[in-house]
Amino acid sequence: VIDPGSSGYNDVGRDNIHSVLLTHGHNDHFRHAHEFR
């Protein structure tokens, strides 16, 4: 999953996510990263 800033775990709807790729460190791009971690 790339930049889960506005989309959380439930929005993605996949249980096979093994990695979160963040393009950069602005909150609107990583706000929900912790849900996947």
ModelCIF file with pLDDT and N, C-alpha, C, O atoms, coordinates in Angstrom:
data_MODEL
#
_entry.id   MODEL 
#
_entity.id                         1 
_entity.type                       polymer 
_entity.pdbx_number_of_molecules   1 
#
_entity_poly.entity_id                      1 
_entity_poly.type                           'polypeptide(L)' 
_entity_poly.nstd_linkage                   no 
_entity_poly.nstd_monomer                   no 
_entity_poly.pdbx_seq_one_letter_code       VIDPGSSGYNDVGRDNIHSVLLTHGHNDHFRHAHEFR 
_entity_poly.pdbx_seq_one_letter_code_can   VIDPGSSGYNDVGRDNIHSVLLTHGHNDHFRHAHEFR 
_entity_poly.pdbx_strand_id                 A 
#
loop_
_entity_poly_seq.entity_id 
_entity_poly_seq.num 
_entity_poly_seq.mon_id 
_entity_poly_seq.hetero 
1 1  VAL n 
1 2  ILE n 
1 3  ASP n 
1 4  PRO n 
1 5  GLY n 
1 6  SER n 
1 7  SER n 
1 8  GLY n 
1 9  TYR n 
1 10 ASN n 
1 11 ASP n 
1 12 VAL n 
1 13 GLY n 
1 14 ARG n 
1 15 ASP n 
1 16 ASN n 
1 17 ILE n 
1 18 HIS n 
1 19 SER n 
1 20 VAL n 
1 21 LEU n 
1 22 LEU n 
1 23 THR n 
1 24 HIS n 
1 25 GLY n 
1 26 HIS n 
1 27 ASN n 
1 28 ASP n 
1 29 HIS n 
1 30 PHE n 
1 31 ARG n 
1 32 HIS n 
1 33 ALA n 
1 34 HIS n 
1 35 GLU n 
1 36 PHE n 
1 37 ARG n 
#
_struct_asym.id          A 
_struct_asym.entity_id   1 
#
loop_
_ma_qa_metric.id 
_ma_qa_metric.mode 
_ma_qa_metric.name 
_ma_qa_metric.software_group_id 
_ma_qa_metric.type 
1 global pLDDT . pLDDT 
2 local  pLDDT . pLDDT 
#
_ma_qa_metric_global.metric_id      1 
_ma_qa_metric_global.metric_value   94.62 
_ma_qa_metric_global.model_id       1 
_ma_qa_metric_global.ordinal_id     1 
#
loop_
_ma_qa_metric_local.label_asym_id 
_ma_qa_metric_local.label_comp_id 
_ma_qa_metric_local.label_seq_id 
_ma_qa_metric_local.metric_id 
_ma_qa_metric_local.metric_value 
_ma_qa_metric_local.model_id 
_ma_qa_metric_local.ordinal_id 
A VAL 1  2 98.00 1 1  
A ILE 2  2 98.00 1 2  
A ASP 3  2 98.00 1 3  
A PRO 4  2 96.00 1 4  
A GLY 5  2 93.00 1 5  
A SER 6  2 92.00 1 6  
A SER 7  2 93.00 1 7  
A GLY 8  2 93.00 1 8  
A TYR 9  2 94.00 1 9  
A ASN 10 2 93.00 1 10 
A ASP 11 2 93.00 1 11 
A VAL 12 2 94.00 1 12 
A GLY 13 2 88.00 1 13 
A ARG 14 2 91.00 1 14 
A ASP 15 2 90.00 1 15 
A ASN 16 2 94.00 1 16 
A ILE 17 2 97.00 1 17 
A HIS 18 2 98.00 1 18 
A SER 19 2 98.00 1 19 
A VAL 20 2 98.00 1 20 
A LEU 21 2 98.00 1 21 
A LEU 22 2 98.00 1 22 
A THR 23 2 98.00 1 23 
A HIS 24 2 96.00 1 24 
A GLY 25 2 92.00 1 25 
A HIS 26 2 90.00 1 26 
A ASN 27 2 89.00 1 27 
A ASP 28 2 90.00 1 28 
A HIS 29 2 94.00 1 29 
A PHE 30 2 95.00 1 30 
A ARG 31 2 93.00 1 31 
A HIS 32 2 95.00 1 32 
A ALA 33 2 97.00 1 33 
A HIS 34 2 97.00 1 34 
A GLU 35 2 96.00 1 35 
A PHE 36 2 97.00 1 36 
A ARG 37 2 97.00 1 37 
#
loop_
_atom_site.group_PDB 
_atom_site.id 
_atom_site.type_symbol 
_atom_site.label_atom_id 
_atom_site.label_alt_id 
_atom_site.label_comp_id 
_atom_site.label_asym_id 
_atom_site.label_entity_id 
_atom_site.label_seq_id 
_atom_site.pdbx_PDB_ins_code 
_atom_site.Cartn_x 
_atom_site.Cartn_y 
_atom_site.Cartn_z 
_atom_site.occupancy 
_atom_site.B_iso_or_equiv 
_atom_site.pdbx_formal_charge 
_atom_site.auth_seq_id 
_atom_site.auth_comp_id 
_atom_site.auth_asym_id 
_atom_site.auth_atom_id 
_atom_site.pdbx_PDB_model_num 
ATOM 1   N N  . VAL A 1 1  ? 0.880   -1.168 0.000  1.00 98.00 ? 1  VAL A N  1 
ATOM 2   C CA . VAL A 1 1  ? 0.000   0.000  0.000  1.00 98.00 ? 1  VAL A CA 1 
ATOM 3   C C  . VAL A 1 1  ? 0.914   1.213  0.000  1.00 98.00 ? 1  VAL A C  1 
ATOM 4   O O  . VAL A 1 1  ? 1.877   1.279  0.763  1.00 98.00 ? 1  VAL A O  1 
ATOM 5   N N  . ILE A 1 2  ? 0.604   2.171  -0.861 1.00 98.00 ? 2  ILE A N  1 
ATOM 6   C CA . ILE A 1 2  ? 1.438   3.360  -1.042 1.00 98.00 ? 2  ILE A CA 1 
ATOM 7   C C  . ILE A 1 2  ? 0.678   4.581  -0.544 1.00 98.00 ? 2  ILE A C  1 
ATOM 8   O O  . ILE A 1 2  ? -0.404  4.892  -1.041 1.00 98.00 ? 2  ILE A O  1 
ATOM 9   N N  . ASP A 1 3  ? 1.239   5.259  0.422  1.00 98.00 ? 3  ASP A N  1 
ATOM 10  C CA . ASP A 1 3  ? 0.680   6.506  0.964  1.00 98.00 ? 3  ASP A CA 1 
ATOM 11  C C  . ASP A 1 3  ? -0.753  6.359  1.489  1.00 98.00 ? 3  ASP A C  1 
ATOM 12  O O  . ASP A 1 3  ? -1.677  6.939  0.920  1.00 98.00 ? 3  ASP A O  1 
ATOM 13  N N  . PRO A 1 4  ? -0.944  5.599  2.553  1.00 96.00 ? 4  PRO A N  1 
ATOM 14  C CA . PRO A 1 4  ? -2.285  5.516  3.154  1.00 96.00 ? 4  PRO A CA 1 
ATOM 15  C C  . PRO A 1 4  ? -2.558  6.735  4.042  1.00 96.00 ? 4  PRO A C  1 
ATOM 16  O O  . PRO A 1 4  ? -2.644  6.626  5.265  1.00 96.00 ? 4  PRO A O  1 
ATOM 17  N N  . GLY A 1 5  ? -2.690  7.879  3.404  1.00 93.00 ? 5  GLY A N  1 
ATOM 18  C CA . GLY A 1 5  ? -2.936  9.117  4.144  1.00 93.00 ? 5  GLY A CA 1 
ATOM 19  C C  . GLY A 1 5  ? -4.403  9.391  4.364  1.00 93.00 ? 5  GLY A C  1 
ATOM 20  O O  . GLY A 1 5  ? -4.818  9.768  5.460  1.00 93.00 ? 5  GLY A O  1 
ATOM 21  N N  . SER A 1 6  ? -5.200  9.200  3.305  1.00 92.00 ? 6  SER A N  1 
ATOM 22  C CA . SER A 1 6  ? -6.643  9.418  3.405  1.00 92.00 ? 6  SER A CA 1 
ATOM 23  C C  . SER A 1 6  ? -7.425  8.120  3.404  1.00 92.00 ? 6  SER A C  1 
ATOM 24  O O  . SER A 1 6  ? -8.649  8.135  3.529  1.00 92.00 ? 6  SER A O  1 
ATOM 25  N N  . SER A 1 7  ? -6.739  6.997  3.264  1.00 93.00 ? 7  SER A N  1 
ATOM 26  C CA . SER A 1 7  ? -7.384  5.684  3.214  1.00 93.00 ? 7  SER A CA 1 
ATOM 27  C C  . SER A 1 7  ? -6.817  4.797  4.315  1.00 93.00 ? 7  SER A C  1 
ATOM 28  O O  . SER A 1 7  ? -5.614  4.546  4.372  1.00 93.00 ? 7  SER A O  1 
ATOM 29  N N  . GLY A 1 8  ? -7.706  4.328  5.188  1.00 93.00 ? 8  GLY A N  1 
ATOM 30  C CA . GLY A 1 8  ? -7.283  3.462  6.273  1.00 93.00 ? 8  GLY A CA 1 
ATOM 31  C C  . GLY A 1 8  ? -7.338  1.995  5.905  1.00 93.00 ? 8  GLY A C  1 
ATOM 32  O O  . GLY A 1 8  ? -7.647  1.640  4.768  1.00 93.00 ? 8  GLY A O  1 
ATOM 33  N N  . TYR A 1 9  ? -7.036  1.149  6.868  1.00 94.00 ? 9  TYR A N  1 
ATOM 34  C CA . TYR A 1 9  ? -7.009  -0.297 6.645  1.00 94.00 ? 9  TYR A CA 1 
ATOM 35  C C  . TYR A 1 9  ? -8.339  -0.810 6.110  1.00 94.00 ? 9  TYR A C  1 
ATOM 36  O O  . TYR A 1 9  ? -8.364  -1.624 5.187  1.00 94.00 ? 9  TYR A O  1 
ATOM 37  N N  . ASN A 1 10 ? -9.434  -0.345 6.677  1.00 93.00 ? 10 ASN A N  1 
ATOM 38  C CA . ASN A 1 10 ? -10.752 -0.820 6.243  1.00 93.00 ? 10 ASN A CA 1 
ATOM 39  C C  . ASN A 1 10 ? -11.093 -0.349 4.839  1.00 93.00 ? 10 ASN A C  1 
ATOM 40  O O  . ASN A 1 10 ? -11.821 -1.034 4.120  1.00 93.00 ? 10 ASN A O  1 
ATOM 41  N N  . ASP A 1 11 ? -10.580 0.810  4.435  1.00 93.00 ? 11 ASP A N  1 
ATOM 42  C CA . ASP A 1 11 ? -10.828 1.303  3.083  1.00 93.00 ? 11 ASP A CA 1 
ATOM 43  C C  . ASP A 1 11 ? -10.113 0.447  2.044  1.00 93.00 ? 11 ASP A C  1 
ATOM 44  O O  . ASP A 1 11 ? -10.641 0.199  0.960  1.00 93.00 ? 11 ASP A O  1 
ATOM 45  N N  . VAL A 1 12 ? -8.912  0.000  2.383  1.00 94.00 ? 12 VAL A N  1 
ATOM 46  C CA . VAL A 1 12 ? -8.126  -0.795 1.441  1.00 94.00 ? 12 VAL A CA 1 
ATOM 47  C C  . VAL A 1 12 ? -8.766  -2.155 1.215  1.00 94.00 ? 12 VAL A C  1 
ATOM 48  O O  . VAL A 1 12 ? -8.806  -2.644 0.086  1.00 94.00 ? 12 VAL A O  1 
ATOM 49  N N  . GLY A 1 13 ? -9.261  -2.760 2.266  1.00 88.00 ? 13 GLY A N  1 
ATOM 50  C CA . GLY A 1 13 ? -10.008 -4.005 2.128  1.00 88.00 ? 13 GLY A CA 1 
ATOM 51  C C  . GLY A 1 13 ? -9.182  -5.192 1.689  1.00 88.00 ? 13 GLY A C  1 
ATOM 52  O O  . GLY A 1 13 ? -9.711  -6.108 1.059  1.00 88.00 ? 13 GLY A O  1 
ATOM 53  N N  . ARG A 1 14 ? -7.895  -5.202 2.005  1.00 91.00 ? 14 ARG A N  1 
ATOM 54  C CA . ARG A 1 14 ? -7.035  -6.334 1.668  1.00 91.00 ? 14 ARG A CA 1 
ATOM 55  C C  . ARG A 1 14 ? -6.329  -6.811 2.928  1.00 91.00 ? 14 ARG A C  1 
ATOM 56  O O  . ARG A 1 14 ? -5.919  -6.006 3.765  1.00 91.00 ? 14 ARG A O  1 
ATOM 57  N N  . ASP A 1 15 ? -6.190  -8.126 3.056  1.00 90.00 ? 15 ASP A N  1 
ATOM 58  C CA . ASP A 1 15 ? -5.500  -8.661 4.233  1.00 90.00 ? 15 ASP A CA 1 
ATOM 59  C C  . ASP A 1 15 ? -4.118  -9.205 3.883  1.00 90.00 ? 15 ASP A C  1 
ATOM 60  O O  . ASP A 1 15 ? -3.491  -9.896 4.686  1.00 90.00 ? 15 ASP A O  1 
ATOM 61  N N  . ASN A 1 16 ? -3.644  -8.882 2.657  1.00 94.00 ? 16 ASN A N  1 
ATOM 62  C CA . ASN A 1 16 ? -2.329  -9.383 2.231  1.00 94.00 ? 16 ASN A CA 1 
ATOM 63  C C  . ASN A 1 16 ? -1.276  -8.281 2.198  1.00 94.00 ? 16 ASN A C  1 
ATOM 64  O O  . ASN A 1 16 ? -0.221  -8.459 1.588  1.00 94.00 ? 16 ASN A O  1 
ATOM 65  N N  . ILE A 1 17 ? -1.541  -7.150 2.839  1.00 97.00 ? 17 ILE A N  1 
ATOM 66  C CA . ILE A 1 17 ? -0.586  -6.042 2.818  1.00 97.00 ? 17 ILE A CA 1 
ATOM 67  C C  . ILE A 1 17 ? 0.607   -6.371 3.716  1.00 97.00 ? 17 ILE A C  1 
ATOM 68  O O  . ILE A 1 17 ? 0.460   -6.533 4.927  1.00 97.00 ? 17 ILE A O  1 
ATOM 69  N N  . HIS A 1 18 ? 1.783   -6.465 3.109  1.00 98.00 ? 18 HIS A N  1 
ATOM 70  C CA . HIS A 1 18 ? 2.986   -6.781 3.888  1.00 98.00 ? 18 HIS A CA 1 
ATOM 71  C C  . HIS A 1 18 ? 3.884   -5.556 4.073  1.00 98.00 ? 18 HIS A C  1 
ATOM 72  O O  . HIS A 1 18 ? 4.762   -5.553 4.936  1.00 98.00 ? 18 HIS A O  1 
ATOM 73  N N  . SER A 1 19 ? 3.660   -4.501 3.250  1.00 98.00 ? 19 SER A N  1 
ATOM 74  C CA . SER A 1 19 ? 4.534   -3.330 3.346  1.00 98.00 ? 19 SER A CA 1 
ATOM 75  C C  . SER A 1 19 ? 3.770   -2.052 3.019  1.00 98.00 ? 19 SER A C  1 
ATOM 76  O O  . SER A 1 19 ? 2.890   -2.027 2.159  1.00 98.00 ? 19 SER A O  1 
ATOM 77  N N  . VAL A 1 20 ? 4.139   -0.995 3.736  1.00 98.00 ? 20 VAL A N  1 
ATOM 78  C CA . VAL A 1 20 ? 3.619   0.344  3.475  1.00 98.00 ? 20 VAL A CA 1 
ATOM 79  C C  . VAL A 1 20 ? 4.765   1.166  2.901  1.00 98.00 ? 20 VAL A C  1 
ATOM 80  O O  . VAL A 1 20 ? 5.792   1.350  3.554  1.00 98.00 ? 20 VAL A O  1 
ATOM 81  N N  . LEU A 1 21 ? 4.589   1.656  1.684  1.00 98.00 ? 21 LEU A N  1 
ATOM 82  C CA . LEU A 1 21 ? 5.589   2.524  1.055  1.00 98.00 ? 21 LEU A CA 1 
ATOM 83  C C  . LEU A 1 21 ? 5.125   3.967  1.200  1.00 98.00 ? 21 LEU A C  1 
ATOM 84  O O  . LEU A 1 21 ? 4.022   4.317  0.780  1.00 98.00 ? 21 LEU A O  1 
ATOM 85  N N  . LEU A 1 22 ? 5.967   4.799  1.794  1.00 98.00 ? 22 LEU A N  1 
ATOM 86  C CA . LEU A 1 22 ? 5.634   6.208  1.981  1.00 98.00 ? 22 LEU A CA 1 
ATOM 87  C C  . LEU A 1 22 ? 6.500   7.061  1.062  1.00 98.00 ? 22 LEU A C  1 
ATOM 88  O O  . LEU A 1 22 ? 7.729   7.005  1.111  1.00 98.00 ? 22 LEU A O  1 
ATOM 89  N N  . THR A 1 23 ? 5.840   7.846  0.230  1.00 98.00 ? 23 THR A N  1 
ATOM 90  C CA . THR A 1 23 ? 6.578   8.691  -0.710 1.00 98.00 ? 23 THR A CA 1 
ATOM 91  C C  . THR A 1 23 ? 7.305   9.817  0.012  1.00 98.00 ? 23 THR A C  1 
ATOM 92  O O  . THR A 1 23 ? 8.406   10.204 -0.379 1.00 98.00 ? 23 THR A O  1 
ATOM 93  N N  . HIS A 1 24 ? 6.678   10.344 1.077  1.00 96.00 ? 24 HIS A N  1 
ATOM 94  C CA . HIS A 1 24 ? 7.320   11.420 1.832  1.00 96.00 ? 24 HIS A CA 1 
ATOM 95  C C  . HIS A 1 24 ? 6.624   11.593 3.173  1.00 96.00 ? 24 HIS A C  1 
ATOM 96  O O  . HIS A 1 24 ? 5.614   10.947 3.453  1.00 96.00 ? 24 HIS A O  1 
ATOM 97  N N  . GLY A 1 25 ? 7.179   12.475 3.997  1.00 92.00 ? 25 GLY A N  1 
ATOM 98  C CA . GLY A 1 25 ? 6.748   12.562 5.381  1.00 92.00 ? 25 GLY A CA 1 
ATOM 99  C C  . GLY A 1 25 ? 5.729   13.626 5.702  1.00 92.00 ? 25 GLY A C  1 
ATOM 100 O O  . GLY A 1 25 ? 5.857   14.309 6.718  1.00 92.00 ? 25 GLY A O  1 
ATOM 101 N N  . HIS A 1 26 ? 4.721   13.788 4.870  1.00 90.00 ? 26 HIS A N  1 
ATOM 102 C CA . HIS A 1 26 ? 3.618   14.688 5.191  1.00 90.00 ? 26 HIS A CA 1 
ATOM 103 C C  . HIS A 1 26 ? 2.402   13.872 5.623  1.00 90.00 ? 26 HIS A C  1 
ATOM 104 O O  . HIS A 1 26 ? 2.094   12.831 5.041  1.00 90.00 ? 26 HIS A O  1 
ATOM 105 N N  . ASN A 1 27 ? 1.721   14.366 6.653  1.00 89.00 ? 27 ASN A N  1 
ATOM 106 C CA . ASN A 1 27 ? 0.667   13.583 7.296  1.00 89.00 ? 27 ASN A CA 1 
ATOM 107 C C  . ASN A 1 27 ? -0.431  13.118 6.350  1.00 89.00 ? 27 ASN A C  1 
ATOM 108 O O  . ASN A 1 27 ? -0.989  12.037 6.533  1.00 89.00 ? 27 ASN A O  1 
ATOM 109 N N  . ASP A 1 28 ? -0.745  13.919 5.347  1.00 90.00 ? 28 ASP A N  1 
ATOM 110 C CA . ASP A 1 28 ? -1.816  13.520 4.444  1.00 90.00 ? 28 ASP A CA 1 
ATOM 111 C C  . ASP A 1 28 ? -1.427  12.334 3.574  1.00 90.00 ? 28 ASP A C  1 
ATOM 112 O O  . ASP A 1 28 ? -2.245  11.821 2.810  1.00 90.00 ? 28 ASP A O  1 
ATOM 113 N N  . HIS A 1 29 ? -0.174  11.900 3.691  1.00 94.00 ? 29 HIS A N  1 
ATOM 114 C CA . HIS A 1 29 ? 0.278   10.728 2.940  1.00 94.00 ? 29 HIS A CA 1 
ATOM 115 C C  . HIS A 1 29 ? 0.596   9.528  3.830  1.00 94.00 ? 29 HIS A C  1 
ATOM 116 O O  . HIS A 1 29 ? 0.755   8.417  3.325  1.00 94.00 ? 29 HIS A O  1 
ATOM 117 N N  . PHE A 1 30 ? 0.691   9.732  5.149  1.00 95.00 ? 30 PHE A N  1 
ATOM 118 C CA . PHE A 1 30 ? 1.007   8.580  6.006  1.00 95.00 ? 30 PHE A CA 1 
ATOM 119 C C  . PHE A 1 30 ? 0.073   8.448  7.206  1.00 95.00 ? 30 PHE A C  1 
ATOM 120 O O  . PHE A 1 30 ? 0.321   7.620  8.082  1.00 95.00 ? 30 PHE A O  1 
ATOM 121 N N  . ARG A 1 31 ? -0.982  9.234  7.267  1.00 93.00 ? 31 ARG A N  1 
ATOM 122 C CA . ARG A 1 31 ? -1.811  9.314  8.478  1.00 93.00 ? 31 ARG A CA 1 
ATOM 123 C C  . ARG A 1 31 ? -2.265  7.953  8.993  1.00 93.00 ? 31 ARG A C  1 
ATOM 124 O O  . ARG A 1 31 ? -2.363  7.765  10.206 1.00 93.00 ? 31 ARG A O  1 
ATOM 125 N N  . HIS A 1 32 ? -2.546  7.000  8.108  1.00 95.00 ? 32 HIS A N  1 
ATOM 126 C CA . HIS A 1 32 ? -3.073  5.701  8.534  1.00 95.00 ? 32 HIS A CA 1 
ATOM 127 C C  . HIS A 1 32 ? -2.041  4.574  8.444  1.00 95.00 ? 32 HIS A C  1 
ATOM 128 O O  . HIS A 1 32 ? -2.388  3.397  8.546  1.00 95.00 ? 32 HIS A O  1 
ATOM 129 N N  . ALA A 1 33 ? -0.781  4.938  8.254  1.00 97.00 ? 33 ALA A N  1 
ATOM 130 C CA . ALA A 1 33 ? 0.250   3.892  8.133  1.00 97.00 ? 33 ALA A CA 1 
ATOM 131 C C  . ALA A 1 33 ? 0.294   2.995  9.362  1.00 97.00 ? 33 ALA A C  1 
ATOM 132 O O  . ALA A 1 33 ? 0.537   1.793  9.250  1.00 97.00 ? 33 ALA A O  1 
ATOM 133 N N  . HIS A 1 34 ? 0.060   3.577  10.532 1.00 97.00 ? 34 HIS A N  1 
ATOM 134 C CA . HIS A 1 34 ? 0.152   2.804  11.777 1.00 97.00 ? 34 HIS A CA 1 
ATOM 135 C C  . HIS A 1 34 ? -0.875  1.681  11.820 1.00 97.00 ? 34 HIS A C  1 
ATOM 136 O O  . HIS A 1 34 ? -0.640  0.659  12.465 1.00 97.00 ? 34 HIS A O  1 
ATOM 137 N N  . GLU A 1 35 ? -2.023  1.853  11.138 1.00 96.00 ? 35 GLU A N  1 
ATOM 138 C CA . GLU A 1 35 ? -3.056  0.814  11.140 1.00 96.00 ? 35 GLU A CA 1 
ATOM 139 C C  . GLU A 1 35 ? -2.547  -0.457 10.477 1.00 96.00 ? 35 GLU A C  1 
ATOM 140 O O  . GLU A 1 35 ? -2.873  -1.560 10.915 1.00 96.00 ? 35 GLU A O  1 
ATOM 141 N N  . PHE A 1 36 ? -1.760  -0.310 9.436  1.00 97.00 ? 36 PHE A N  1 
ATOM 142 C CA . PHE A 1 36 ? -1.208  -1.465 8.729  1.00 97.00 ? 36 PHE A CA 1 
ATOM 143 C C  . PHE A 1 36 ? -0.048  -2.071 9.521  1.00 97.00 ? 36 PHE A C  1 
ATOM 144 O O  . PHE A 1 36 ? 0.117   -3.290 9.564  1.00 97.00 ? 36 PHE A O  1 
ATOM 145 N N  . ARG A 1 37 ? 0.752   -1.205 10.146 1.00 97.00 ? 37 ARG A N  1 
ATOM 146 C CA . ARG A 1 37 ? 1.865   -1.711 10.937 1.00 97.00 ? 37 ARG A CA 1 
ATOM 147 C C  . ARG A 1 37 ? 1.367   -2.516 12.136 1.00 97.00 ? 37 ARG A C  1 
ATOM 148 O O  . ARG A 1 37 ? 2.173   -3.021 12.917 1.00 97.00 ? 37 ARG A O  1 
#
